[in-house]
Amino acid sequence: MERLDILSLRVKYLHTIRAYREEGKPNVYADETYIHSIQTTSYAWDDGSEAALTTLVSKGRLIIAHAGNSA
């Protein structure tokens, strides 16, 4: 079972998205993830068009961000 406060937030979100779509406003969805430098490997899949990422240049983490819409 889902908590009622979470369910309420989902319903509010869906109503907002529907209103934005009816107004013709674009919806942009964003996501972010990261990998730590110790999570690299000495081999990787590569399609030949660009060099594959096998090791990171610095210590820390590599942040990957993406945003997109239907256009």
N, C-alpha and C. Protein backbone atom coordinates (compact mmCIF):
# COMPACT_ATOMS: atom_id res chain seq x y z
N MET A 1 0.85 -1.18 0.00
CA MET A 1 0.00 0.00 0.00
C MET A 1 0.88 1.24 0.00
N GLU A 2 0.44 2.22 -0.72
CA GLU A 2 1.17 3.47 -0.78
C GLU A 2 0.59 4.45 0.23
N ARG A 3 1.44 5.25 0.82
CA ARG A 3 0.99 6.24 1.78
C ARG A 3 0.09 7.25 1.09
N LEU A 4 -0.87 7.76 1.81
CA LEU A 4 -1.83 8.69 1.22
C LEU A 4 -1.17 10.01 0.81
N ASP A 5 -0.16 10.47 1.53
CA ASP A 5 0.51 11.71 1.14
C ASP A 5 1.24 11.55 -0.20
N ILE A 6 1.83 10.38 -0.42
CA ILE A 6 2.51 10.10 -1.69
C ILE A 6 1.48 10.01 -2.82
N LEU A 7 0.38 9.33 -2.58
CA LEU A 7 -0.68 9.21 -3.57
C LEU A 7 -1.23 10.60 -3.93
N SER A 8 -1.41 11.44 -2.93
CA SER A 8 -1.92 12.79 -3.16
C SER A 8 -0.95 13.61 -4.02
N LEU A 9 0.34 13.48 -3.76
CA LEU A 9 1.34 14.20 -4.57
C LEU A 9 1.34 13.71 -6.01
N ARG A 10 1.16 12.39 -6.23
CA ARG A 10 1.12 11.86 -7.58
C ARG A 10 -0.09 12.41 -8.34
N VAL A 11 -1.26 12.44 -7.70
CA VAL A 11 -2.46 12.97 -8.33
C VAL A 11 -2.27 14.44 -8.68
N LYS A 12 -1.69 15.21 -7.77
CA LYS A 12 -1.43 16.64 -8.03
C LYS A 12 -0.49 16.80 -9.22
N TYR A 13 0.57 15.99 -9.28
CA TYR A 13 1.52 16.03 -10.39
C TYR A 13 0.82 15.73 -11.71
N LEU A 14 0.00 14.69 -11.76
CA LEU A 14 -0.69 14.32 -12.99
C LEU A 14 -1.66 15.41 -13.44
N HIS A 15 -2.35 16.04 -12.51
CA HIS A 15 -3.24 17.14 -12.87
C HIS A 15 -2.44 18.32 -13.44
N THR A 16 -1.30 18.60 -12.84
CA THR A 16 -0.45 19.70 -13.33
C THR A 16 0.06 19.41 -14.73
N ILE A 17 0.54 18.19 -14.97
CA ILE A 17 1.03 17.81 -16.30
C ILE A 17 -0.08 17.92 -17.33
N ARG A 18 -1.27 17.47 -16.99
CA ARG A 18 -2.40 17.56 -17.92
C ARG A 18 -2.71 19.03 -18.25
N ALA A 19 -2.70 19.89 -17.24
CA ALA A 19 -2.97 21.32 -17.46
C ALA A 19 -1.91 21.94 -18.36
N TYR A 20 -0.65 21.61 -18.11
CA TYR A 20 0.44 22.13 -18.95
C TYR A 20 0.28 21.68 -20.40
N ARG A 21 -0.06 20.43 -20.60
CA ARG A 21 -0.24 19.92 -21.97
C ARG A 21 -1.41 20.63 -22.66
N GLU A 22 -2.49 20.86 -21.94
CA GLU A 22 -3.64 21.56 -22.53
C GLU A 22 -3.29 23.00 -22.88
N GLU A 23 -2.37 23.62 -22.14
CA GLU A 23 -1.93 24.99 -22.42
C GLU A 23 -0.85 25.02 -23.50
N GLY A 24 -0.38 23.87 -23.93
CA GLY A 24 0.65 23.80 -24.97
C GLY A 24 2.05 24.02 -24.45
N LYS A 25 2.24 23.96 -23.16
CA LYS A 25 3.58 24.14 -22.58
C LYS A 25 4.39 22.86 -22.79
N PRO A 26 5.67 23.00 -23.12
CA PRO A 26 6.50 21.79 -23.30
C PRO A 26 6.86 21.19 -21.94
N ASN A 27 6.89 19.88 -21.89
CA ASN A 27 7.34 19.16 -20.70
C ASN A 27 8.75 18.65 -20.95
N VAL A 28 9.66 19.00 -20.08
CA VAL A 28 11.04 18.54 -20.17
C VAL A 28 11.33 17.69 -18.95
N TYR A 29 11.78 16.47 -19.20
CA TYR A 29 12.09 15.55 -18.12
C TYR A 29 13.61 15.46 -17.97
N ALA A 30 14.08 15.52 -16.74
CA ALA A 30 15.52 15.52 -16.47
C ALA A 30 15.88 14.35 -15.56
N ASP A 31 17.11 13.86 -15.73
CA ASP A 31 17.60 12.78 -14.90
C ASP A 31 19.09 13.00 -14.69
N GLU A 32 19.59 12.50 -13.59
CA GLU A 32 21.01 12.62 -13.28
C GLU A 32 21.46 11.34 -12.60
N THR A 33 22.65 10.90 -12.94
CA THR A 33 23.24 9.75 -12.28
C THR A 33 24.74 9.99 -12.22
N TYR A 34 25.46 9.14 -11.55
CA TYR A 34 26.91 9.30 -11.48
C TYR A 34 27.57 7.94 -11.29
N ILE A 35 28.85 7.91 -11.62
CA ILE A 35 29.68 6.74 -11.34
C ILE A 35 30.94 7.22 -10.65
N HIS A 36 31.41 6.43 -9.70
CA HIS A 36 32.67 6.74 -9.03
C HIS A 36 33.84 6.26 -9.88
N SER A 37 34.99 6.89 -9.70
CA SER A 37 36.15 6.53 -10.51
C SER A 37 36.59 5.09 -10.28
N ILE A 38 36.25 4.50 -9.15
CA ILE A 38 36.63 3.11 -8.92
C ILE A 38 35.71 2.13 -9.63
N GLN A 39 34.65 2.62 -10.27
CA GLN A 39 33.70 1.77 -10.97
C GLN A 39 34.05 1.59 -12.44
N THR A 40 35.23 1.97 -12.86
CA THR A 40 35.62 1.81 -14.26
C THR A 40 36.20 0.41 -14.46
N THR A 41 36.35 0.05 -15.70
CA THR A 41 36.87 -1.26 -16.04
C THR A 41 37.94 -1.11 -17.11
N SER A 42 38.75 -2.10 -17.28
CA SER A 42 39.82 -2.02 -18.27
C SER A 42 39.32 -2.35 -19.67
N TYR A 43 38.07 -2.75 -19.82
CA TYR A 43 37.50 -3.03 -21.13
C TYR A 43 36.10 -2.43 -21.20
N ALA A 44 35.64 -2.14 -22.42
CA ALA A 44 34.32 -1.53 -22.57
C ALA A 44 33.81 -1.81 -23.96
N TRP A 45 32.49 -1.75 -24.14
CA TRP A 45 31.89 -1.87 -25.45
C TRP A 45 32.16 -0.59 -26.21
N ASP A 46 32.48 -0.69 -27.49
CA ASP A 46 32.79 0.48 -28.31
C ASP A 46 32.29 0.21 -29.72
N ASP A 47 31.54 1.15 -30.29
CA ASP A 47 31.03 0.96 -31.64
C ASP A 47 31.98 1.48 -32.71
N GLY A 48 33.15 1.97 -32.29
CA GLY A 48 34.15 2.42 -33.24
C GLY A 48 34.04 3.88 -33.62
N SER A 49 32.96 4.55 -33.25
CA SER A 49 32.79 5.95 -33.64
C SER A 49 33.52 6.91 -32.71
N GLU A 50 33.68 6.54 -31.45
CA GLU A 50 34.38 7.39 -30.49
C GLU A 50 35.16 6.49 -29.53
N ALA A 51 36.10 7.09 -28.85
CA ALA A 51 36.87 6.32 -27.88
C ALA A 51 35.98 5.96 -26.69
N ALA A 52 36.10 4.76 -26.21
CA ALA A 52 35.31 4.31 -25.08
C ALA A 52 35.92 4.81 -23.78
N LEU A 53 35.07 5.07 -22.81
CA LEU A 53 35.53 5.48 -21.49
C LEU A 53 35.96 4.24 -20.71
N THR A 54 37.26 4.10 -20.48
CA THR A 54 37.73 2.95 -19.72
C THR A 54 38.32 3.37 -18.37
N THR A 55 38.87 4.56 -18.28
CA THR A 55 39.38 5.06 -17.01
C THR A 55 39.08 6.54 -16.92
N LEU A 56 38.88 7.01 -15.70
CA LEU A 56 38.63 8.43 -15.49
C LEU A 56 39.95 9.15 -15.30
N VAL A 57 39.97 10.41 -15.69
CA VAL A 57 41.19 11.19 -15.61
C VAL A 57 41.48 11.61 -14.18
N SER A 58 40.46 11.89 -13.40
CA SER A 58 40.67 12.36 -12.04
C SER A 58 39.92 11.49 -11.05
N LYS A 59 40.24 11.66 -9.79
CA LYS A 59 39.53 10.95 -8.73
C LYS A 59 38.19 11.63 -8.51
N GLY A 60 37.26 10.91 -7.95
CA GLY A 60 35.95 11.48 -7.69
C GLY A 60 34.89 10.73 -8.46
N ARG A 61 33.96 11.48 -9.03
CA ARG A 61 32.88 10.84 -9.76
C ARG A 61 32.56 11.58 -11.05
N LEU A 62 32.03 10.85 -11.98
CA LEU A 62 31.59 11.39 -13.26
C LEU A 62 30.08 11.54 -13.18
N ILE A 63 29.60 12.76 -13.37
CA ILE A 63 28.17 13.03 -13.29
C ILE A 63 27.60 13.04 -14.70
N ILE A 64 26.51 12.30 -14.89
CA ILE A 64 25.85 12.20 -16.18
C ILE A 64 24.46 12.80 -16.04
N ALA A 65 24.18 13.86 -16.80
CA ALA A 65 22.89 14.52 -16.75
C ALA A 65 22.23 14.42 -18.13
N HIS A 66 20.92 14.28 -18.14
CA HIS A 66 20.18 14.16 -19.39
C HIS A 66 18.84 14.86 -19.23
N ALA A 67 18.41 15.55 -20.25
CA ALA A 67 17.07 16.16 -20.27
C ALA A 67 16.51 15.99 -21.68
N GLY A 68 15.21 15.80 -21.77
CA GLY A 68 14.61 15.62 -23.08
C GLY A 68 13.10 15.80 -23.04
N ASN A 69 12.53 15.96 -24.23
CA ASN A 69 11.08 16.05 -24.36
C ASN A 69 10.68 15.35 -25.65
N SER A 70 9.43 15.50 -26.03
CA SER A 70 8.93 14.77 -27.20
C SER A 70 9.23 15.45 -28.51
N ALA A 71 9.75 16.67 -28.47
CA ALA A 71 10.02 17.42 -29.72
C ALA A 71 11.26 16.95 -30.41
